[in-house]
């Protein structure tokens, strides 16, 4: 089980948005189980397959200087589980500049849902 199931979805999402992983400023990754975050980091191209653990251990998901801040609100496991809506709410706050753990200059936020199950979902929100 080496994927969150998003590996096929990610290229289409980026193509439709005209973006790449390097354009994403903050990622709100559905985290019903901790390993799903690592797998989504890989599936969405933030790191190579099999490198999710070392990528996180190196500090790449931190708000203060990480390559891609992840679940800046604490995620479903540390904040609240409201069928993933807390991720959308955090993305909106990040783009408005009103989040508690604000990512400076955030323009694009990736929000995912339902890793490892069908149907999968993801969207990229942009600052207006």
Foldseek 3Di string as FASTA:
>chain_A
DQALPCLVVQVVQCVVVVHAPQLAAEEEEAPPDPVNVLRVCCSRPVDPRPCSVVLVVVVQQDLPDHSYPYNQVLHCVGHHPPQQVVSVVQQVCQLVVNHPSHRPPGFKYKGWHDGPDPPTDIHIDGRD
